[in-house]
Amino acid sequence: MPAAVEFLFDFVSPNAYLAYYPLKEIAAKHGAEIVITPVFLGGMHKLTGNAPPFIRDAGVKGKNAYAMLEMERFIARHGFDKFRMNPHFPFNSVQLQRMLVAAKDMGRAVEFIDFLLPQVWEQGADVTDPDAVTALLAASPFDPQDLLEKIQSPDVKQRLADSTAEAVERGAFGVPTFFVGGEMYFGKDRLAQLEEALAAG
C-alpha cells in the first residue's frame, strides 16, 4: 500500500501555498499520495485559542520581522518568484473551504487546489467578493453553479466544521499541518522531517 501524507489545508494560509508545491515534489519522489483534509483555520483558532502569528507575536520585539526574514529565505530557496501576499489577507475562507469539501467529494480536491491556489497567492484574487469568485470558477475546470449549490448544503457545512474539530482533537492548532503514519508535523519548515518519515517507510 503506498504511503500517504495527510495535509490539513486552508486557502487563507500563505504557508499552505508555500508548503504545497515542495510537498508535491516530496510525495512524488517517495511514491506517496497527498490526502487533502479541508479545515477552517478561523474555526481552528477559536477552538485552540491560537491566533495568526502576525497578531499573536505583535508585541514581541523583533519576532515578526524575523518570521518575515525566514519566509523570504524559504521563498528564495524554492524559487517562488510568483508569490505575492494577497491584498485582502486575512480573508474569511469558509466558502472556499466548503467548495474544497465539495471538490473532495468529487475526487478533485487536488485539482481544485491546483487551480485556485495561484489565483489567491499569485494573482491576488479577491475571494471575499462572491461575484469575483464566480468569475474565477467560470474560468476553471469546475462548474460554478454546481459548486455554489453544493456549498449551501447543510451536510457540506457540517462536514467542514466536523473536520476542523476532529483536527483539533488530534492535536492540530494551525495550517499547514501534516500527518504521516499517525505522526503530526506542523509548518512548512517541517517538510524535511516529513520526508525523512516517508523515506523510513
Foldseek 3Di string as FASTA:
>chain_A
DAWEKEWADFLLDPLQVLQVPVVVVLCVVLVYYYHYQYAFLVLLCVVVVHDPCCVVCVPPPPPVVVVVVVVVVSCVVVVVPQFDQQPPPPDGRLLVSLLLLVCVVVVRNVQSCVQCNCCVGRVNQDPNDPVSVLVSVVPGPDDSVVSVVSSVDPVSSVSNVVSSVVCVVLPDRHPGWMDTPSDIDDTSVCVVVVSVSSVVD
